[in-house]
Structures are given as structure tokens and as C-alpha cells.
């Protein structure tokens, strides 16, 4: 049987809501100028907006086109989903945001403003974001809230504009939002994006809490501990953990949960068991999240049978397992070559009222060695309502490609398109690698050209005569 390139024919498989989004996108395309590049520009370090506060300047305005009679109507969900569709095209997102309110009479809410601000922040368009915040304050239906400023903190800090994030916190006073919630959100953003030193300075340094007048509690300590964890500074994690004791900080369940993760990631799972005993001595009631961490640590330090014993203890104490619990056990069993037992746990999940998720199936896929068995499990996965992610398809195509099985690669590729997913660069590269390995150079070149036309990055391949662009990367 001759294999031919598989082209996308998904419209008949899309839901009515998805078709509505396609109509919106088509309408915007026909009423707007071709948009230029929306790649993030250099982060702007200025703070005050330079544009008039009640305008949203953009490069490709719609000029308020009159909507045709058959133009789609809008509700909150449709607007939010459309803005999400333009998460990687801020100019088009601004066009839609403006058009839907001026032409279609949609009244933006705080949530839709927040979604637009998040898109602008992603591309460092902070002046425009502040213009929107000023507009929000003019209507009782769209006043800025803590989520608004949490988004700003996150986007500023992710761009390493820490001073601007701090100024935003102080500016929240104008909206009655300079409080403990906003302070926690600011510290959380700093720690999330590895500016832990600045977060610690704000809380404990010489100028800590100047103008803040806030109490640093266990929650803040936990955020900073998690920040050191994200940075992988294990010695600093230990020092900070001991510093919490010296300062008399009352460690809670979340504190122990973070430090257990630290011990696991730093290659010391046996210390998690010690922390588990310490928690029991203090009378701290364990929740399922902590049990999941202990299960994983005990399985790696003492073996899967000890983990199963702890699982039974957990059940006896009335702590109901969740999907992460089952995923942990399934992965431990598969890692120890006990795949049949893993299947039994998978069967038990639905009996116990816990539906498997995509990670459950990933845990098993990685240890199966027969294409037919993998495809059967994949059908079981989709048949049970679990939607595969893009990395699911990529993982399976790479696996089949390494084994030299091309037909299953195309089976997975076709299923990906049937499920309404547009292949990304990793999916294309997995397919092209499989074709090159089987010597199907002409077909591989077609897919290589197709992905380039979509603006995706193809790996340089000697077999296809492609060259590595200067300054590029060989990682596909």
C-alpha cells in the first residue's frame, strides 16, 4: 500500500463552537491589513504609559469595519477563547479586542481585559497594557482586580523588569489593591521566575517592607523556599529550611511538601522518609499531595513494594488517592518491569471512581515494546475520553520511528489531525526523521517544505540538502 502525505480535513470533526472561532478568524483576516511580525521586542524598561490613556494604539487597526449581517454574535466565552487563539499574535488580538466592543457592542469585563493584558505583557507591550488598566478603572463592570496585577507582576518579572513590577505593586494603591494579597502575588512572581534574591531582600533585607507594612508569614516563607527549589540551589534550600527553625516559623503541610520535593529532586529520597516520620510526630495531618511525594520517594529509595505498603496505609487512614497517586504507582511498577501489574492498577482506577489522565497513559507508553499494543492502549485512551496532547503524538511517532515502523507513524499522524490538532515543529521533525530513516527522501522533503511554509523550524538534514542557518540550533 502506497503512503501519501496526509492533509488536514478537520472541519467536519470540529464542534460548532470551534467553527464559530474559525469564522471570527476568517472575518478578521478579511478586514485587516497583513500583520507584521509579532515576535517579542526588546523589553521596555519605562513605566509610565506614553499613549493617551483612553486609546489603544496598534499597527494594524480595523478602523471599526461595519459587520455584515451574518457576522457571528459574541458571548464572554467566545471572546475569551478568541483572545486565547491570538495569544501569539498581539496585534491581531488588539484588533479583535477593539473591534468586538466598537462594532459588535460587546461590553468587556475584567476577565476579558485581563486576558488581553496577559497577551500584551507576553510581548512586552506594557504601555498598551497600562492604557487598558486605566480604561478598566472607568467602568464598574471592569475594574482591575488582584488577577490584573498578578498578571502584570508575572509578565514584568518574566522579562526581568523587577523594578517595574515593584512600581506596579505601589501603583495598585490607586485601585485599592495594595494589600497582602498583592504583596504575596508579587513575591510569588519573583520566586516563580528565579528572582529569589530580590524577593528575600524585599522580605528580610535592610529596606524590607518599606512602604509595605505587611507581615511576612509562613506562606511567604514557603514561596521563597519554593523559589530556591526552582533555582536548584540545594544548599541554599537547606540553609533556608534551617533558618525557618531559627526564626521560629511554624512550618505547615505545604512547607514539608516543598522540602520533600527538594530532597527528591536533589537525589536524597531517603530523607523524605525521615521528614514523613517527623510530620507524624508533630501530628501534622498528611494530605494526598504529601502522600504522593512520599510514595515516589519511598519507591525510589526502598522499592515499589514499600510504596505499595504505604499506599495501603494511606487508604486505611481515610486519605483517598487521586490521579497523581495512581500515576506514581503505575510509573514505579513500569520502571520495575511490572507492566502487567500496572495495567491492573489502570483498571482499578475507574472502579475506584478516578479517571486516568494523559500522564497515566504516558507512564505506560514509555515501557511498551510492541507497536500493536501501544496503538491498542492509545485507542483505549481516546475511547475513554482522554484527549492526547501534542507531546503524546510526538513521543509515539519518535518511538515508532526509532524502531523503523513507518506505518504506525502515519497512523498516529492521521489520528492527530482527526483530533483537530495542528502539528507543531516537533511533530513534523519526528515524521520527517522517520521518513528519512526509511529512505523516503522525496516525501520527507515535501513535509520539510510544508513546515517551513508554516513558519516552523526544521532540523538541518544532510539527506535533504538543508543547511544550518548561521546562529541556529540543531535541536528540532
Protein backbone atom coordinates (compact mmCIF):
# COMPACT_ATOMS: atom_id res chain seq x y z
CA UNK A 1 0.00 0.00 0.00
CA UNK A 2 1.50 3.33 -1.09
CA UNK A 3 1.69 6.00 1.61
CA UNK A 4 0.89 9.55 0.57
CA UNK A 5 1.16 12.78 2.54
CA UNK A 6 -1.76 13.18 4.89
CA UNK A 7 -3.56 16.51 4.51
CA UNK A 8 -5.77 18.06 7.17
CA UNK A 9 -9.51 17.66 6.74
CA UNK A 10 -10.84 18.59 10.12
CA UNK A 11 -13.80 20.89 9.55
CA UNK A 12 -16.35 18.08 9.69
CA UNK A 13 -14.89 17.00 13.01
CA UNK A 14 -14.91 20.43 14.66
CA UNK A 15 -17.50 21.42 17.23
CA UNK A 16 -19.94 24.27 16.43
CA UNK A 17 -18.02 26.50 18.86
CA UNK A 18 -14.73 25.76 17.07
CA UNK A 19 -16.36 26.58 13.74
CA UNK A 20 -17.51 29.90 15.21
CA UNK A 21 -13.93 30.71 16.18
CA UNK A 22 -12.81 29.88 12.63
CA UNK A 23 -15.46 32.25 11.24
CA UNK A 24 -14.24 35.00 13.55
CA UNK A 25 -10.64 34.49 12.47
CA UNK A 26 -11.67 34.47 8.80
CA UNK A 27 -13.67 37.67 9.24
CA UNK A 28 -10.79 39.44 10.97
CA UNK A 29 -8.36 38.35 8.29
CA UNK A 30 -10.57 39.76 5.54
CA UNK A 31 -10.96 43.12 7.36
CA UNK A 32 -7.42 43.76 8.45
CA UNK A 33 -4.11 44.51 6.84
CA UNK A 34 -1.43 41.83 6.79
CA UNK A 35 0.10 41.84 10.22
CA UNK A 36 3.81 42.26 10.57
CA UNK A 37 5.99 40.22 12.87
CA UNK A 38 4.67 39.74 16.38
CA UNK A 39 7.88 38.41 17.83
CA UNK A 40 8.61 39.87 21.26
CA UNK A 41 10.52 43.11 21.00
CA UNK A 42 13.14 44.16 23.48
CA UNK A 43 11.53 44.53 26.92
CA UNK A 44 10.65 48.14 27.64
CA UNK A 45 12.15 49.38 30.87
CA UNK A 46 10.00 52.52 31.08
CA UNK A 47 6.98 52.51 33.32
CA UNK A 48 4.58 55.32 32.61
CA UNK A 49 2.36 54.91 29.51
CA UNK A 50 3.20 57.33 26.73
CA UNK A 51 -0.03 56.96 24.78
CA UNK A 52 -3.31 58.71 25.61
CA UNK A 53 -4.88 56.72 28.45
CA UNK A 54 -8.16 56.07 26.68
CA UNK A 55 -6.73 54.82 23.40
CA UNK A 56 -5.12 51.57 22.31
CA UNK A 57 -2.64 52.32 19.54
CA UNK A 58 -1.73 49.43 17.28
CA UNK A 59 -0.13 48.99 13.94
CA UNK A 60 -2.97 47.27 12.08
CA UNK A 61 -6.27 48.86 13.17
CA UNK A 62 -9.58 47.56 11.91
CA UNK A 63 -10.92 51.11 11.53
CA UNK A 64 -14.20 49.86 13.00
CA UNK A 65 -15.47 47.98 9.92
CA UNK A 66 -19.19 47.52 9.63
CA UNK A 67 -20.12 43.94 10.43
CA UNK A 68 -22.02 42.00 7.74
CA UNK A 69 -25.49 40.63 8.56
CA UNK A 70 -24.14 37.12 9.03
CA UNK A 71 -21.29 38.18 11.35
CA UNK A 72 -21.17 35.94 14.43
CA UNK A 73 -22.62 37.07 17.74
CA UNK A 74 -20.44 37.04 20.84
CA UNK A 75 -20.60 35.94 24.42
CA UNK A 76 -17.96 36.06 27.14
CA UNK A 77 -16.69 32.53 26.44
CA UNK A 78 -16.29 33.16 22.70
CA UNK A 79 -14.38 36.40 23.27
CA UNK A 80 -12.04 34.79 25.80
CA UNK A 81 -11.37 31.80 23.56
CA UNK A 82 -10.73 34.02 20.54
CA UNK A 83 -8.22 36.09 22.51
CA UNK A 84 -6.55 32.85 23.55
CA UNK A 85 -6.33 31.85 19.87
CA UNK A 86 -4.36 35.07 19.28
CA UNK A 87 -2.07 34.55 22.26
CA UNK A 88 0.89 34.52 19.85
CA UNK A 89 -0.27 37.46 17.73
CA UNK A 90 -0.78 40.51 19.95
CA UNK A 91 -1.62 42.87 17.09
CA UNK A 92 -4.44 40.67 15.85
CA UNK A 93 -5.60 40.22 19.45
CA UNK A 94 -5.80 44.02 19.89
CA UNK A 95 -7.68 44.32 16.61
CA UNK A 96 -10.24 41.77 17.72
CA UNK A 97 -10.46 43.25 21.23
CA UNK A 98 -11.21 46.70 19.83
CA UNK A 99 -13.48 45.50 17.04
CA UNK A 100 -15.71 43.32 19.19
CA UNK A 101 -16.53 46.23 21.51
CA UNK A 102 -16.83 49.08 19.00
CA UNK A 103 -18.59 47.21 16.18
CA UNK A 104 -20.44 44.37 17.88
CA UNK A 105 -21.38 46.16 21.10
CA UNK A 106 -19.70 43.67 23.40
CA UNK A 107 -19.02 45.08 26.89
CA UNK A 108 -15.61 43.93 28.04
CA UNK A 109 -15.40 42.54 31.56
CA UNK A 110 -12.50 42.40 33.97
CA UNK A 111 -11.78 38.87 32.75
CA UNK A 112 -11.55 39.82 29.06
CA UNK A 113 -9.39 42.83 29.92
CA UNK A 114 -7.12 40.58 31.96
CA UNK A 115 -6.79 38.15 29.06
CA UNK A 116 -5.81 40.98 26.71
CA UNK A 117 -3.33 42.40 29.23
CA UNK A 118 -1.72 38.97 29.53
CA UNK A 119 -1.22 38.76 25.75
CA UNK A 120 0.27 42.27 25.64
CA UNK A 121 2.59 41.50 28.55
CA UNK A 122 3.82 38.39 26.78
CA UNK A 123 5.16 40.64 24.02
CA UNK A 124 6.43 43.34 26.41
CA UNK A 125 3.77 45.85 25.30
CA UNK A 126 3.44 47.25 28.80
CA UNK A 127 2.41 50.76 27.73
CA UNK A 128 -0.64 49.34 25.98
CA UNK A 129 -1.35 47.14 28.99
CA UNK A 130 -1.37 50.19 31.26
CA UNK A 131 -3.67 52.01 28.84
CA UNK A 132 -6.12 49.16 29.28
CA UNK A 133 -5.84 49.26 33.06
CA UNK A 134 -6.70 52.97 33.01
CA UNK A 135 -9.72 52.17 30.83
CA UNK A 136 -10.76 49.39 33.23
CA UNK A 137 -10.93 51.85 36.11
CA UNK A 138 -13.58 53.90 34.29
CA UNK A 139 -16.27 51.22 34.46
CA UNK A 140 -17.68 49.41 37.46
CA UNK A 141 -18.10 46.28 35.29
CA UNK A 142 -14.41 46.03 34.52
CA UNK A 143 -12.46 47.33 37.50
CA UNK A 144 -8.91 45.93 37.88
CA UNK A 145 -8.63 43.16 40.45
CA UNK A 146 -5.86 41.16 42.08
CA UNK A 147 -5.65 38.93 38.99
CA UNK A 148 -4.92 42.01 36.84
CA UNK A 149 -1.89 42.93 38.92
CA UNK A 150 -0.80 39.33 39.33
CA UNK A 151 -0.62 39.12 35.52
CA UNK A 152 1.41 42.34 35.42
CA UNK A 153 3.82 41.09 38.11
CA UNK A 154 4.27 37.81 36.24
CA UNK A 155 4.92 39.45 32.86
CA UNK A 156 7.26 42.12 34.24
CA UNK A 157 9.32 39.64 36.25
CA UNK A 158 9.45 37.10 33.41
CA UNK A 159 11.00 39.92 31.35
CA UNK A 160 13.40 40.57 34.29
CA UNK A 161 11.91 44.03 34.84
CA UNK A 162 11.84 43.66 38.61
CA UNK A 163 11.79 47.39 39.41
CA UNK A 164 8.76 47.88 37.17
CA UNK A 165 6.99 45.01 38.91
CA UNK A 166 7.62 46.65 42.30
CA UNK A 167 6.39 50.01 41.00
CA UNK A 168 3.26 48.26 39.74
CA UNK A 169 2.68 46.96 43.24
CA UNK A 170 2.83 50.50 44.64
CA UNK A 171 0.61 51.78 41.80
CA UNK A 172 -2.02 49.21 42.80
CA UNK A 173 -2.81 51.61 45.65
CA UNK A 174 -4.76 53.76 43.17
CA UNK A 175 -7.25 50.89 42.80
CA UNK A 176 -7.33 49.87 46.46
CA UNK A 177 -5.31 46.73 45.69
CA UNK A 178 -2.04 47.41 47.52
CA UNK A 179 -2.54 44.81 50.22
CA UNK A 180 -1.29 41.46 51.48
CA UNK A 181 -2.79 39.58 48.52
CA UNK A 182 -0.90 41.73 46.00
CA UNK A 183 2.28 41.52 48.07
CA UNK A 184 2.01 37.72 48.10
CA UNK A 185 1.40 37.73 44.34
CA UNK A 186 4.49 39.89 43.80
CA UNK A 187 6.71 37.64 45.92
CA UNK A 188 5.26 34.58 44.20
CA UNK A 189 6.08 36.04 40.75
CA UNK A 190 9.63 36.88 41.82
CA UNK A 191 10.21 33.37 43.11
CA UNK A 192 8.49 31.73 40.12
CA UNK A 193 10.88 33.42 37.69
CA UNK A 194 14.01 32.89 39.78
CA UNK A 195 14.40 36.36 41.25
CA UNK A 196 14.51 34.85 44.72
CA UNK A 197 17.35 37.09 45.91
CA UNK A 198 15.21 40.17 45.25
CA UNK A 199 12.20 38.52 46.94
CA UNK A 200 14.27 37.68 50.01
CA UNK A 201 15.64 41.24 50.09
CA UNK A 202 12.10 42.65 49.98
CA UNK A 203 11.05 40.47 52.90
CA UNK A 204 14.14 40.33 55.10
CA UNK A 205 16.68 42.89 53.82
CA UNK A 206 17.64 46.27 55.30
CA UNK A 207 14.89 48.03 53.38
CA UNK A 208 12.39 45.19 53.69
CA UNK A 209 8.72 46.13 53.90
CA UNK A 210 9.48 49.86 53.49
CA UNK A 211 6.13 51.29 52.47
CA UNK A 212 4.60 47.82 52.65
CA UNK A 213 3.65 47.44 56.33
CA UNK A 214 2.97 43.77 55.82
CA UNK A 215 3.66 40.72 57.93
CA UNK A 216 5.88 38.02 56.47
CA UNK A 217 4.14 34.78 57.39
CA UNK A 218 4.62 31.07 56.73
CA UNK A 219 3.06 31.45 53.28
CA UNK A 220 5.77 33.91 52.21
CA UNK A 221 8.50 31.68 53.63
CA UNK A 222 7.09 28.79 51.63
CA UNK A 223 7.19 30.86 48.43
CA UNK A 224 10.85 31.71 48.94
CA UNK A 225 11.68 28.10 49.80
CA UNK A 226 9.96 27.02 46.58
CA UNK A 227 11.93 29.73 44.71
CA UNK A 228 15.25 28.30 45.85
CA UNK A 229 13.91 24.89 44.84
CA UNK A 230 13.14 26.14 41.31
CA UNK A 231 16.67 27.50 41.05
CA UNK A 232 18.10 24.14 42.10
CA UNK A 233 20.25 25.69 44.83
CA UNK A 234 20.04 22.71 47.15
CA UNK A 235 22.45 24.03 49.79
CA UNK A 236 20.51 27.31 49.92
CA UNK A 237 17.29 25.33 50.31
CA UNK A 238 18.76 23.54 53.32
CA UNK A 239 20.05 26.80 54.82
CA UNK A 240 16.68 28.49 54.40
CA UNK A 241 14.88 25.47 55.89
CA UNK A 242 17.11 25.66 58.96
CA UNK A 243 16.69 29.46 59.06
CA UNK A 244 12.93 28.98 59.32
CA UNK A 245 13.54 26.99 62.51
CA UNK A 246 15.86 29.66 63.93
CA UNK A 247 13.26 32.36 63.28
CA UNK A 248 10.52 30.32 64.88
CA UNK A 249 8.47 29.99 61.71
CA UNK A 250 5.73 27.43 62.15
CA UNK A 251 6.16 25.01 59.26
CA UNK A 252 2.93 23.77 57.78
CA UNK A 253 1.93 20.95 55.48
CA UNK A 254 2.95 22.95 52.41
CA UNK A 255 6.40 23.69 53.89
CA UNK A 256 7.07 19.99 54.31
CA UNK A 257 5.64 19.18 50.90
CA UNK A 258 8.07 21.62 49.22
CA UNK A 259 11.06 20.39 51.20
CA UNK A 260 10.18 16.78 50.40
CA UNK A 261 10.21 17.67 46.70
CA UNK A 262 13.60 19.32 47.22
CA UNK A 263 15.02 16.17 48.78
CA UNK A 264 13.65 14.03 45.94
CA UNK A 265 14.99 16.29 43.19
CA UNK A 266 18.38 16.62 44.89
CA UNK A 267 18.76 12.83 44.85
CA UNK A 268 18.06 12.15 48.51
CA UNK A 269 14.71 10.32 48.59
CA UNK A 270 15.60 8.56 51.84
CA UNK A 271 15.44 11.92 53.63
CA UNK A 272 11.81 12.23 52.59
CA UNK A 273 11.01 9.20 54.73
CA UNK A 274 12.68 10.95 57.68
CA UNK A 275 10.57 14.07 57.10
CA UNK A 276 7.47 11.88 56.89
CA UNK A 277 8.20 10.47 60.35
CA UNK A 278 8.85 13.98 61.67
CA UNK A 279 5.46 15.14 60.41
CA UNK A 280 3.74 12.21 62.08
CA UNK A 281 5.50 13.02 65.37
CA UNK A 282 4.28 16.64 65.14
CA UNK A 283 0.76 15.45 64.50
CA UNK A 284 0.55 17.14 61.09
CA UNK A 285 -2.28 15.57 59.14
CA UNK A 286 -0.98 14.43 55.77
CA UNK A 287 -2.94 15.12 52.63
CA UNK A 288 -2.85 13.27 49.34
CA UNK A 289 -0.23 15.66 47.87
CA UNK A 290 2.28 14.83 50.58
CA UNK A 291 1.49 11.12 50.37
CA UNK A 292 2.16 11.25 46.62
CA UNK A 293 5.61 12.75 47.23
CA UNK A 294 6.39 10.14 49.89
CA UNK A 295 5.15 7.32 47.65
CA UNK A 296 7.51 8.41 44.87
CA UNK A 297 10.45 8.84 47.25
CA UNK A 298 9.86 5.54 49.04
CA UNK A 299 9.50 3.71 45.74
CA UNK A 300 12.89 5.00 44.63
CA UNK A 301 14.74 4.54 47.91
CA UNK A 302 13.16 1.38 49.30
CA UNK A 303 11.46 -0.19 46.29
CA UNK A 304 7.99 -0.33 44.80
CA UNK A 305 6.72 -2.89 47.35
CA UNK A 306 7.33 -0.42 50.20
CA UNK A 307 5.48 2.23 48.21
CA UNK A 308 2.53 -0.15 47.79
CA UNK A 309 2.55 -0.76 51.52
CA UNK A 310 2.38 2.98 52.17
CA UNK A 311 -0.45 3.24 49.64
CA UNK A 312 -2.46 0.70 51.63
CA UNK A 313 -1.72 2.63 54.85
CA UNK A 314 -2.90 5.81 53.19
CA UNK A 315 -6.20 4.16 52.27
CA UNK A 316 -6.68 2.77 55.79
CA UNK A 317 -6.25 6.28 57.24
CA UNK A 318 -9.05 7.56 55.02
CA UNK A 319 -6.89 9.57 52.61
CA UNK A 320 -8.40 8.96 49.18
CA UNK A 321 -5.85 8.60 46.36
CA UNK A 322 -6.08 10.91 43.37
CA UNK A 323 -4.91 10.52 39.80
CA UNK A 324 -1.34 11.54 40.76
CA UNK A 325 -1.25 8.72 43.33
CA UNK A 326 -2.19 6.14 40.72
CA UNK A 327 0.18 7.66 38.16
CA UNK A 328 3.04 7.40 40.67
CA UNK A 329 2.31 3.73 41.39
CA UNK A 330 1.86 2.88 37.69
CA UNK A 331 5.16 4.53 36.79
CA UNK A 332 7.02 2.78 39.63
CA UNK A 333 5.61 -0.58 38.53
CA UNK A 334 6.53 0.05 34.87
CA UNK A 335 10.06 1.16 35.80
CA UNK A 336 10.49 -2.13 37.63
CA UNK A 337 9.29 -4.18 34.65
CA UNK A 338 5.92 -4.99 36.20
CA UNK A 339 3.79 -3.69 33.33
CA UNK A 340 1.01 -6.28 33.79
CA UNK A 341 0.50 -5.09 37.36
CA UNK A 342 0.46 -1.52 36.08
CA UNK A 343 -2.42 -2.48 33.77
CA UNK A 344 -4.32 -3.86 36.77
CA UNK A 345 -3.90 -0.56 38.62
CA UNK A 346 -5.12 1.23 35.47
CA UNK A 347 -8.23 -0.99 35.51
CA UNK A 348 -8.79 -0.27 39.21
CA UNK A 349 -8.81 3.48 38.69
CA UNK A 350 -12.23 3.62 37.04
CA UNK A 351 -13.63 1.13 39.55
CA UNK A 352 -12.47 3.49 42.31
CA UNK A 353 -14.02 6.46 40.51
CA UNK A 354 -10.71 8.06 39.50
CA UNK A 355 -10.41 8.71 35.76
CA UNK A 356 -6.93 8.30 34.21
CA UNK A 357 -5.40 11.35 32.54
CA UNK A 358 -2.88 11.75 29.75
CA UNK A 359 0.07 11.35 32.14
CA UNK A 360 -1.32 7.97 33.26
CA UNK A 361 -1.07 6.68 29.73
CA UNK A 362 2.31 8.33 29.13
CA UNK A 363 3.65 6.36 32.11
CA UNK A 364 2.70 3.10 30.36
CA UNK A 365 3.52 4.08 26.75
CA UNK A 366 7.16 4.58 27.65
CA UNK A 367 7.60 0.94 28.67
CA UNK A 368 5.62 -0.90 25.97
CA UNK A 369 7.65 -2.55 23.22
CA UNK A 370 5.11 -3.63 20.61
CA UNK A 371 3.51 -1.16 18.18
CA UNK A 372 0.21 -3.05 18.14
CA UNK A 373 -0.03 -2.98 21.93
CA UNK A 374 0.78 0.74 22.00
CA UNK A 375 -1.91 1.52 19.41
CA UNK A 376 -4.45 -0.57 21.35
CA UNK A 377 -3.70 1.40 24.51
CA UNK A 378 -3.88 4.64 22.51
CA UNK A 379 -7.36 3.68 21.25
CA UNK A 380 -8.38 2.82 24.80
CA UNK A 381 -7.11 6.21 25.91
CA UNK A 382 -9.07 8.20 23.30
CA UNK A 383 -12.10 5.94 23.62
CA UNK A 384 -12.29 6.71 27.35
CA UNK A 385 -12.39 10.46 26.65
CA UNK A 386 -8.76 11.27 27.48
CA UNK A 387 -7.52 13.79 24.90
CA UNK A 388 -3.91 13.23 23.81
CA UNK A 389 -1.55 16.19 23.95
CA UNK A 390 0.86 17.14 21.20
CA UNK A 391 3.75 15.57 23.12
CA UNK A 392 1.76 12.31 23.19
CA UNK A 393 1.78 12.14 19.40
CA UNK A 394 5.42 13.21 19.19
CA UNK A 395 6.50 10.61 21.76
CA UNK A 396 4.74 7.79 19.88
CA UNK A 397 5.97 8.87 16.44
CA UNK A 398 9.54 9.06 17.70
CA UNK A 399 9.21 5.68 19.34
CA UNK A 400 7.88 4.02 16.18
CA UNK A 401 10.43 5.89 14.06
CA UNK A 402 13.34 4.60 16.17
CA UNK A 403 12.04 1.07 15.74
CA UNK A 404 11.78 1.55 11.97
CA UNK A 405 7.98 1.14 11.81
CA UNK A 406 6.65 3.75 9.38
CA UNK A 407 3.02 2.69 9.10
CA UNK A 408 2.26 3.28 12.82
CA UNK A 409 3.89 6.71 12.48
CA UNK A 410 1.30 7.66 9.84
CA UNK A 411 -1.49 6.09 11.88
CA UNK A 412 -0.61 8.40 14.79
CA UNK A 413 -0.18 11.40 12.44
CA UNK A 414 -3.64 10.83 10.97
CA UNK A 415 -5.21 10.47 14.42
CA UNK A 416 -3.58 13.74 15.44
CA UNK A 417 -5.25 15.55 12.55
CA UNK A 418 -8.59 13.79 13.15
CA UNK A 419 -8.49 15.06 16.74
CA UNK A 420 -8.19 18.63 15.46
CA UNK A 421 -4.56 19.29 16.35
CA UNK A 422 -2.26 21.16 14.00
CA UNK A 423 1.23 19.58 14.04
CA UNK A 424 3.99 21.65 15.60
CA UNK A 425 7.68 21.60 14.68
CA UNK A 426 8.39 18.62 16.96
CA UNK A 427 5.66 16.54 15.28
CA UNK A 428 6.93 17.44 11.80
CA UNK A 429 10.51 16.67 12.73
CA UNK A 430 9.52 13.29 14.20
CA UNK A 431 7.69 12.38 10.98
CA UNK A 432 10.49 13.62 8.73
CA UNK A 433 13.11 11.72 10.75
CA UNK A 434 11.10 8.52 10.33
CA UNK A 435 10.78 9.07 6.57
CA UNK A 436 14.49 9.82 6.17
CA UNK A 437 15.38 6.70 8.15
CA UNK A 438 13.29 4.61 5.70
CA UNK A 439 14.88 6.31 2.69
CA UNK A 440 11.70 8.12 1.60
CA UNK A 441 13.56 11.33 0.83
CA UNK A 442 11.08 12.89 -1.61
CA UNK A 443 8.18 12.61 0.82
CA UNK A 444 10.38 13.85 3.67
CA UNK A 445 11.31 16.88 1.59
CA UNK A 446 7.61 17.63 0.97
CA UNK A 447 6.87 17.70 4.69
CA UNK A 448 10.04 19.71 5.32
CA UNK A 449 8.86 22.33 2.83
CA UNK A 450 5.34 22.28 4.30
CA UNK A 451 6.57 23.07 7.80
CA UNK A 452 8.82 25.85 6.51
CA UNK A 453 5.83 27.41 4.74
CA UNK A 454 4.03 27.42 8.10
CA UNK A 455 6.94 29.27 9.68
CA UNK A 456 8.09 26.28 11.75
CA UNK A 457 11.75 25.44 12.36
CA UNK A 458 13.00 22.36 10.55
CA UNK A 459 16.11 20.49 11.62
CA UNK A 460 19.03 20.71 9.19
CA UNK A 461 19.42 17.34 7.47
CA UNK A 462 22.20 16.30 5.16
CA UNK A 463 19.88 13.79 3.44
CA UNK A 464 17.56 16.63 2.41
CA UNK A 465 20.34 19.02 1.48
CA UNK A 466 19.26 21.55 4.11
CA UNK A 467 21.87 23.66 5.83
CA UNK A 468 22.07 25.02 9.36
CA UNK A 469 21.40 28.75 9.35
CA UNK A 470 24.19 30.73 10.99
CA UNK A 471 23.41 31.16 14.68
CA UNK A 472 20.69 28.50 14.54
CA UNK A 473 20.27 25.38 16.56
CA UNK A 474 20.41 21.79 15.54
CA UNK A 475 17.77 20.80 18.03
CA UNK A 476 14.45 20.19 16.40
